[in-house]
């Protein structure tokens, strides 16, 4: 009896590669999002430090410089938040693509398992038929002894 061969094995391998690639892309997007969130935290920390430095007598030059620095930080924080929103959207898109690739792979894997089960049932049925035929032939070759 011939061995089980899934005709869509190459498609299954391709879908596995696609799923792995989508997972890699999702991981990269998550890393980028985490880096952008860390950058936002650093900017917010710099903003807090800049505001806390205004203690005691302050020279007008340092007050002016802190004001400029503070306005630049505010602008960067706004831009960073927009960047994070964009990164979160990219992560959602990558997650959707990964889920879709996973579903496609799972459907092919399920089909392969079903076909393998059908094949094994067929083999078991054919083996049973062969053994029945063999037993019948053996039974017919015995001579009746008187």
N, C-alpha and C. Protein backbone atom coordinates (compact mmCIF):
# COMPACT_ATOMS: atom_id res chain seq x y z
N UNK A 1 0.84 -1.17 0.00
CA UNK A 1 0.00 0.00 0.00
C UNK A 1 0.89 1.24 0.00
N UNK A 2 0.50 2.22 -0.78
CA UNK A 2 1.33 3.40 -0.87
C UNK A 2 1.18 4.30 0.36
N UNK A 3 2.23 5.08 0.58
CA UNK A 3 2.31 5.96 1.74
C UNK A 3 1.42 7.18 1.55
N UNK A 4 0.94 7.76 2.67
CA UNK A 4 0.09 8.96 2.62
C UNK A 4 0.90 10.13 2.10
N UNK A 5 0.32 10.85 1.13
CA UNK A 5 0.97 12.04 0.59
C UNK A 5 -0.11 13.11 0.46
N UNK A 6 0.12 14.23 1.13
CA UNK A 6 -0.81 15.35 1.07
C UNK A 6 -0.47 16.18 -0.16
N UNK A 7 -1.42 16.30 -1.06
CA UNK A 7 -1.16 16.99 -2.32
C UNK A 7 -0.90 18.48 -2.15
N UNK A 8 -1.38 19.05 -1.09
CA UNK A 8 -1.21 20.49 -0.86
C UNK A 8 -0.06 20.78 0.10
N UNK A 9 0.90 19.88 0.19
CA UNK A 9 2.01 20.05 1.14
C UNK A 9 2.81 21.32 0.85
N UNK A 10 3.04 21.61 -0.41
CA UNK A 10 3.79 22.82 -0.75
C UNK A 10 3.03 24.08 -0.36
N UNK A 11 1.73 24.06 -0.55
CA UNK A 11 0.89 25.19 -0.13
C UNK A 11 0.96 25.33 1.38
N UNK A 12 0.92 24.20 2.08
CA UNK A 12 1.01 24.22 3.55
C UNK A 12 2.36 24.80 3.99
N UNK A 13 3.43 24.41 3.34
CA UNK A 13 4.75 24.96 3.66
C UNK A 13 4.80 26.46 3.39
N UNK A 14 4.21 26.88 2.27
CA UNK A 14 4.17 28.30 1.93
C UNK A 14 3.38 29.07 2.98
N UNK A 15 2.23 28.54 3.38
CA UNK A 15 1.40 29.21 4.39
C UNK A 15 2.15 29.29 5.73
N UNK A 16 2.92 28.27 6.05
CA UNK A 16 3.72 28.30 7.27
C UNK A 16 4.76 29.40 7.19
N UNK A 17 5.40 29.52 6.04
CA UNK A 17 6.40 30.58 5.86
C UNK A 17 5.76 31.96 5.94
N UNK A 18 4.57 32.11 5.35
CA UNK A 18 3.86 33.39 5.40
C UNK A 18 3.50 33.73 6.84
N UNK A 19 3.01 32.75 7.58
CA UNK A 19 2.64 32.98 8.98
C UNK A 19 3.87 33.40 9.79
N UNK A 20 4.98 32.71 9.58
CA UNK A 20 6.22 33.06 10.29
C UNK A 20 6.68 34.49 9.95
N UNK A 21 6.55 34.85 8.69
CA UNK A 21 6.92 36.21 8.27
C UNK A 21 6.01 37.25 8.90
N UNK A 22 4.71 36.96 8.95
CA UNK A 22 3.77 37.89 9.57
C UNK A 22 4.05 38.02 11.07
N UNK A 23 4.45 36.93 11.70
CA UNK A 23 4.80 36.99 13.12
C UNK A 23 6.05 37.85 13.32
N UNK A 24 7.02 37.70 12.42
CA UNK A 24 8.24 38.51 12.50
C UNK A 24 7.91 39.99 12.34
N UNK A 25 7.05 40.30 11.37
CA UNK A 25 6.65 41.70 11.16
C UNK A 25 5.91 42.25 12.38
N UNK A 26 5.04 41.44 12.95
CA UNK A 26 4.31 41.87 14.14
C UNK A 26 5.27 42.14 15.29
N UNK A 27 6.25 41.28 15.45
CA UNK A 27 7.24 41.45 16.51
C UNK A 27 8.02 42.75 16.30
N UNK A 28 8.44 43.01 15.06
CA UNK A 28 9.16 44.25 14.77
C UNK A 28 8.31 45.48 15.04
N UNK A 29 7.03 45.42 14.68
CA UNK A 29 6.13 46.55 14.93
C UNK A 29 5.96 46.78 16.43
N UNK A 30 5.85 45.69 17.19
CA UNK A 30 5.72 45.82 18.65
C UNK A 30 6.99 46.41 19.26
N UNK A 31 8.16 46.01 18.75
CA UNK A 31 9.42 46.56 19.24
C UNK A 31 9.48 48.06 18.95
N UNK A 32 9.10 48.43 17.73
CA UNK A 32 9.11 49.85 17.35
C UNK A 32 8.15 50.64 18.24
N UNK A 33 6.96 50.09 18.49
CA UNK A 33 6.00 50.78 19.35
C UNK A 33 6.57 50.96 20.75
N UNK A 34 7.21 49.93 21.27
CA UNK A 34 7.80 50.02 22.61
C UNK A 34 8.90 51.09 22.65
N UNK A 35 9.72 51.15 21.60
CA UNK A 35 10.76 52.17 21.55
C UNK A 35 10.16 53.58 21.51
N UNK A 36 9.10 53.76 20.75
CA UNK A 36 8.45 55.07 20.66
C UNK A 36 7.81 55.44 22.00
N UNK A 37 7.24 54.46 22.69
CA UNK A 37 6.67 54.75 24.01
C UNK A 37 7.76 55.11 25.01
N UNK A 38 8.90 54.44 24.91
CA UNK A 38 10.04 54.78 25.78
C UNK A 38 10.53 56.20 25.50
N UNK A 39 10.56 56.56 24.23
CA UNK A 39 10.98 57.92 23.86
C UNK A 39 10.01 58.95 24.42
N UNK A 40 8.71 58.65 24.36
CA UNK A 40 7.71 59.56 24.93
C UNK A 40 7.92 59.69 26.44
N UNK A 41 8.19 58.60 27.10
CA UNK A 41 8.44 58.65 28.55
C UNK A 41 9.67 59.51 28.86
N UNK A 42 10.70 59.37 28.03
CA UNK A 42 11.91 60.18 28.24
C UNK A 42 11.61 61.67 28.03
N UNK A 43 10.83 61.98 27.01
CA UNK A 43 10.47 63.38 26.76
C UNK A 43 9.63 63.95 27.91
N UNK A 44 8.69 63.17 28.40
CA UNK A 44 7.88 63.63 29.53
C UNK A 44 8.72 63.80 30.79
N UNK A 45 9.69 62.92 30.99
CA UNK A 45 10.61 63.06 32.12
C UNK A 45 11.45 64.32 32.00
N UNK A 46 11.91 64.60 30.79
CA UNK A 46 12.69 65.83 30.56
C UNK A 46 11.82 67.06 30.82
N UNK A 47 10.56 66.99 30.45
CA UNK A 47 9.64 68.11 30.70
C UNK A 47 9.46 68.33 32.21
N UNK A 48 9.30 67.25 32.96
CA UNK A 48 9.16 67.39 34.42
C UNK A 48 10.43 67.96 35.05
N UNK A 49 11.58 67.46 34.60
CA UNK A 49 12.85 67.97 35.14
C UNK A 49 13.04 69.45 34.82
N UNK A 50 12.64 69.85 33.63
CA UNK A 50 12.76 71.25 33.22
C UNK A 50 11.87 72.14 34.08
N UNK A 51 10.70 71.67 34.44
CA UNK A 51 9.79 72.47 35.26
C UNK A 51 10.26 72.52 36.72
N UNK A 52 10.89 71.45 37.19
CA UNK A 52 11.34 71.41 38.58
C UNK A 52 12.58 72.26 38.83
N UNK A 53 13.32 72.61 37.80
CA UNK A 53 14.55 73.38 37.98
C UNK A 53 14.30 74.84 38.36
N UNK A 54 13.07 75.28 38.26
CA UNK A 54 12.77 76.69 38.51
C UNK A 54 12.55 76.94 40.00
N UNK A 55 13.61 76.83 40.78
CA UNK A 55 13.53 77.09 42.22
C UNK A 55 14.44 78.26 42.57
N UNK A 56 14.03 79.03 43.52
CA UNK A 56 14.86 80.15 43.96
C UNK A 56 14.92 81.26 42.93
N UNK A 57 16.00 82.01 42.97
CA UNK A 57 16.21 83.13 42.05
C UNK A 57 16.62 82.56 40.70
N UNK A 58 15.95 83.04 39.67
CA UNK A 58 16.21 82.55 38.32
C UNK A 58 16.63 83.71 37.45
N UNK A 59 17.70 83.54 36.73
CA UNK A 59 18.14 84.56 35.78
C UNK A 59 17.21 84.56 34.58
N UNK A 60 17.05 85.71 34.01
CA UNK A 60 16.15 85.86 32.87
C UNK A 60 16.60 85.00 31.69
N UNK A 61 17.92 84.87 31.52
CA UNK A 61 18.44 84.06 30.40
C UNK A 61 18.06 82.60 30.58
N UNK A 62 18.25 82.10 31.80
CA UNK A 62 17.91 80.68 32.03
C UNK A 62 16.40 80.48 31.95
N UNK A 63 15.63 81.48 32.43
CA UNK A 63 14.18 81.40 32.33
C UNK A 63 13.75 81.34 30.86
N UNK A 64 14.35 82.18 30.05
CA UNK A 64 14.06 82.22 28.61
C UNK A 64 14.45 80.89 27.95
N UNK A 65 15.64 80.39 28.28
CA UNK A 65 16.11 79.13 27.69
C UNK A 65 15.21 77.96 28.11
N UNK A 66 14.81 77.96 29.38
CA UNK A 66 13.90 76.90 29.84
C UNK A 66 12.57 76.99 29.12
N UNK A 67 12.10 78.19 28.87
CA UNK A 67 10.86 78.39 28.13
C UNK A 67 10.95 77.85 26.71
N UNK A 68 12.06 78.17 26.04
CA UNK A 68 12.27 77.65 24.68
C UNK A 68 12.35 76.13 24.68
N UNK A 69 13.12 75.62 25.63
CA UNK A 69 13.27 74.16 25.75
C UNK A 69 11.92 73.51 26.05
N UNK A 70 11.15 74.14 26.92
CA UNK A 70 9.84 73.60 27.28
C UNK A 70 8.90 73.59 26.07
N UNK A 71 8.90 74.64 25.29
CA UNK A 71 8.03 74.68 24.10
C UNK A 71 8.46 73.64 23.07
N UNK A 72 9.78 73.47 22.92
CA UNK A 72 10.26 72.43 22.00
C UNK A 72 9.87 71.05 22.49
N UNK A 73 9.99 70.82 23.80
CA UNK A 73 9.60 69.53 24.37
C UNK A 73 8.11 69.26 24.18
N UNK A 74 7.28 70.29 24.38
CA UNK A 74 5.84 70.12 24.18
C UNK A 74 5.54 69.72 22.75
N UNK A 75 6.22 70.37 21.81
CA UNK A 75 6.02 70.05 20.40
C UNK A 75 6.48 68.62 20.09
N UNK A 76 7.61 68.24 20.64
CA UNK A 76 8.11 66.89 20.43
C UNK A 76 7.18 65.85 21.07
N UNK A 77 6.64 66.17 22.23
CA UNK A 77 5.71 65.24 22.89
C UNK A 77 4.46 65.03 22.04
N UNK A 78 3.93 66.12 21.50
CA UNK A 78 2.75 66.01 20.63
C UNK A 78 3.09 65.16 19.41
N UNK A 79 4.23 65.44 18.77
CA UNK A 79 4.64 64.65 17.61
C UNK A 79 4.86 63.18 17.99
N UNK A 80 5.43 62.95 19.16
CA UNK A 80 5.69 61.58 19.60
C UNK A 80 4.38 60.83 19.85
N UNK A 81 3.40 61.51 20.41
CA UNK A 81 2.10 60.88 20.63
C UNK A 81 1.45 60.52 19.30
N UNK A 82 1.59 61.39 18.30
CA UNK A 82 1.06 61.07 16.97
C UNK A 82 1.79 59.87 16.37
N UNK A 83 3.10 59.83 16.58
CA UNK A 83 3.89 58.69 16.10
C UNK A 83 3.44 57.40 16.78
N UNK A 84 3.16 57.47 18.07
CA UNK A 84 2.71 56.28 18.80
C UNK A 84 1.35 55.82 18.28
N UNK A 85 0.47 56.77 18.01
CA UNK A 85 -0.84 56.40 17.46
C UNK A 85 -0.66 55.68 16.12
N UNK A 86 0.24 56.20 15.29
CA UNK A 86 0.52 55.58 13.99
C UNK A 86 1.10 54.18 14.20
N UNK A 87 2.03 54.04 15.14
CA UNK A 87 2.63 52.73 15.42
C UNK A 87 1.60 51.74 15.94
N UNK A 88 0.68 52.22 16.79
CA UNK A 88 -0.37 51.34 17.30
C UNK A 88 -1.26 50.84 16.17
N UNK A 89 -1.54 51.71 15.20
CA UNK A 89 -2.33 51.30 14.03
C UNK A 89 -1.56 50.26 13.22
N UNK A 90 -0.27 50.46 13.04
CA UNK A 90 0.55 49.48 12.32
C UNK A 90 0.56 48.14 13.05
N UNK A 91 0.62 48.18 14.37
CA UNK A 91 0.59 46.94 15.16
C UNK A 91 -0.75 46.23 14.97
N UNK A 92 -1.84 47.00 14.99
CA UNK A 92 -3.16 46.39 14.77
C UNK A 92 -3.25 45.75 13.38
N UNK A 93 -2.73 46.44 12.37
CA UNK A 93 -2.75 45.88 11.01
C UNK A 93 -1.89 44.62 10.93
N UNK A 94 -0.72 44.67 11.55
CA UNK A 94 0.17 43.50 11.53
C UNK A 94 -0.48 42.33 12.29
N UNK A 95 -1.17 42.64 13.38
CA UNK A 95 -1.86 41.59 14.15
C UNK A 95 -2.97 40.97 13.31
N UNK A 96 -3.72 41.80 12.59
CA UNK A 96 -4.79 41.29 11.73
C UNK A 96 -4.22 40.40 10.62
N UNK A 97 -3.10 40.83 10.04
CA UNK A 97 -2.46 40.02 8.98
C UNK A 97 -1.95 38.71 9.55
N UNK A 98 -1.39 38.75 10.75
CA UNK A 98 -0.90 37.52 11.39
C UNK A 98 -2.05 36.58 11.71
N UNK A 99 -3.14 37.12 12.22
CA UNK A 99 -4.30 36.28 12.53
C UNK A 99 -4.85 35.64 11.26
N UNK A 100 -4.92 36.41 10.19
CA UNK A 100 -5.41 35.87 8.91
C UNK A 100 -4.49 34.75 8.40
N UNK A 101 -3.19 34.97 8.48
CA UNK A 101 -2.24 33.94 8.04
C UNK A 101 -2.35 32.70 8.93
N UNK A 102 -2.57 32.90 10.22
CA UNK A 102 -2.74 31.77 11.13
C UNK A 102 -3.99 30.98 10.81
N UNK A 103 -5.07 31.68 10.47
CA UNK A 103 -6.32 31.00 10.11
C UNK A 103 -6.13 30.16 8.85
N UNK A 104 -5.45 30.74 7.85
CA UNK A 104 -5.22 30.02 6.61
C UNK A 104 -4.38 28.77 6.85
N UNK A 105 -3.34 28.92 7.67
CA UNK A 105 -2.50 27.77 8.00
C UNK A 105 -3.29 26.73 8.77
N UNK A 106 -4.10 27.16 9.71
CA UNK A 106 -4.88 26.22 10.51
C UNK A 106 -5.87 25.46 9.64
N UNK A 107 -6.49 26.15 8.68
CA UNK A 107 -7.44 25.46 7.81
C UNK A 107 -6.74 24.39 6.97
N UNK A 108 -5.55 24.72 6.47
CA UNK A 108 -4.81 23.71 5.71
C UNK A 108 -4.34 22.56 6.60
N UNK A 109 -3.92 22.87 7.80
CA UNK A 109 -3.49 21.83 8.73
C UNK A 109 -4.66 20.92 9.09
N UNK A 110 -5.82 21.52 9.31
CA UNK A 110 -7.02 20.73 9.61
C UNK A 110 -7.38 19.85 8.43
N UNK A 111 -7.28 20.40 7.22
CA UNK A 111 -7.55 19.60 6.01
C UNK A 111 -6.58 18.44 5.91
N UNK A 112 -5.31 18.70 6.16
CA UNK A 112 -4.30 17.63 6.10
C UNK A 112 -4.61 16.55 7.13
N UNK A 113 -4.95 16.95 8.35
CA UNK A 113 -5.28 15.98 9.39
C UNK A 113 -6.50 15.15 9.00
N UNK A 114 -7.51 15.82 8.44
CA UNK A 114 -8.71 15.11 8.01
C UNK A 114 -8.38 14.11 6.90
N UNK A 115 -7.58 14.55 5.93
CA UNK A 115 -7.20 13.65 4.83
C UNK A 115 -6.37 12.47 5.35
N UNK A 116 -5.48 12.72 6.32
CA UNK A 116 -4.68 11.65 6.90
C UNK A 116 -5.59 10.65 7.63
N UNK A 117 -6.57 11.16 8.35
CA UNK A 117 -7.51 10.29 9.06
C UNK A 117 -8.30 9.45 8.07
N UNK A 118 -8.78 10.08 7.00
CA UNK A 118 -9.51 9.34 5.96
C UNK A 118 -8.62 8.27 5.35
N UNK A 119 -7.36 8.61 5.09
CA UNK A 119 -6.43 7.64 4.53
C UNK A 119 -6.21 6.47 5.48
N UNK A 120 -6.02 6.76 6.75
CA UNK A 120 -5.80 5.69 7.72
C UNK A 120 -7.03 4.80 7.87
N UNK A 121 -8.21 5.40 7.81
CA UNK A 121 -9.44 4.60 7.83
C UNK A 121 -9.54 3.72 6.59
N UNK A 122 -9.18 4.28 5.44
CA UNK A 122 -9.20 3.52 4.21
C UNK A 122 -8.21 2.36 4.29
N UNK A 123 -7.01 2.62 4.78
CA UNK A 123 -6.00 1.56 4.91
C UNK A 123 -6.48 0.47 5.87
N UNK A 124 -7.07 0.88 6.98
CA UNK A 124 -7.58 -0.10 7.94
C UNK A 124 -8.69 -0.94 7.31
N UNK A 125 -9.56 -0.29 6.55
CA UNK A 125 -10.64 -1.01 5.87
C UNK A 125 -10.09 -1.98 4.83
N UNK A 126 -9.12 -1.54 4.05
CA UNK A 126 -8.51 -2.40 3.03
C UNK A 126 -7.77 -3.58 3.69
N UNK A 127 -7.08 -3.32 4.79
CA UNK A 127 -6.40 -4.41 5.51
C UNK A 127 -7.41 -5.43 6.03
N UNK A 128 -8.51 -4.93 6.56
CA UNK A 128 -9.55 -5.83 7.06
C UNK A 128 -10.13 -6.66 5.92
N UNK A 129 -10.37 -6.03 4.76
CA UNK A 129 -10.87 -6.76 3.59
C UNK A 129 -9.87 -7.82 3.16
N UNK A 130 -8.59 -7.46 3.14
CA UNK A 130 -7.55 -8.41 2.73
C UNK A 130 -7.50 -9.60 3.69
N UNK A 131 -7.56 -9.32 4.99
CA UNK A 131 -7.52 -10.40 5.98
C UNK A 131 -8.77 -11.27 5.88
N UNK A 132 -9.92 -10.67 5.63
CA UNK A 132 -11.14 -11.46 5.44
C UNK A 132 -11.03 -12.35 4.21
N UNK A 133 -10.50 -11.79 3.14
CA UNK A 133 -10.31 -12.57 1.90
C UNK A 133 -9.32 -13.70 2.13
N UNK A 134 -8.25 -13.41 2.83
CA UNK A 134 -7.25 -14.42 3.14
C UNK A 134 -7.84 -15.54 3.99
N UNK A 135 -8.62 -15.15 4.99
CA UNK A 135 -9.26 -16.15 5.85
C UNK A 135 -10.26 -16.99 5.07
N UNK A 136 -10.98 -16.35 4.15
CA UNK A 136 -11.95 -17.07 3.33
C UNK A 136 -11.23 -18.05 2.41
N UNK A 137 -10.13 -17.63 1.81
CA UNK A 137 -9.38 -18.51 0.92
C UNK A 137 -8.79 -19.68 1.69
N UNK A 138 -8.28 -19.44 2.87
CA UNK A 138 -7.73 -20.52 3.70
C UNK A 138 -8.83 -21.49 4.08
N UNK A 139 -10.00 -20.97 4.38
CA UNK A 139 -11.12 -21.83 4.78
C UNK A 139 -11.58 -22.71 3.63
N UNK A 140 -11.49 -22.20 2.40
CA UNK A 140 -11.94 -22.96 1.24
C UNK A 140 -10.92 -24.01 0.82
N UNK A 141 -9.69 -23.96 1.24
CA UNK A 141 -8.69 -24.94 0.79
C UNK A 141 -8.63 -26.18 1.67
N UNK A 142 -9.27 -26.13 2.83
CA UNK A 142 -9.26 -27.32 3.69
C UNK A 142 -10.19 -28.37 3.10
N UNK A 143 -9.72 -29.59 3.09
CA UNK A 143 -10.54 -30.72 2.60
C UNK A 143 -11.33 -31.27 3.78
N UNK A 144 -12.50 -31.62 3.49
CA UNK A 144 -13.31 -32.21 4.54
C UNK A 144 -12.78 -33.60 4.83
N UNK A 145 -12.52 -33.92 6.05
CA UNK A 145 -12.01 -35.24 6.44
C UNK A 145 -13.15 -36.09 6.95
N UNK A 146 -13.15 -37.31 6.44
CA UNK A 146 -14.24 -38.20 6.82
C UNK A 146 -13.79 -39.25 7.78
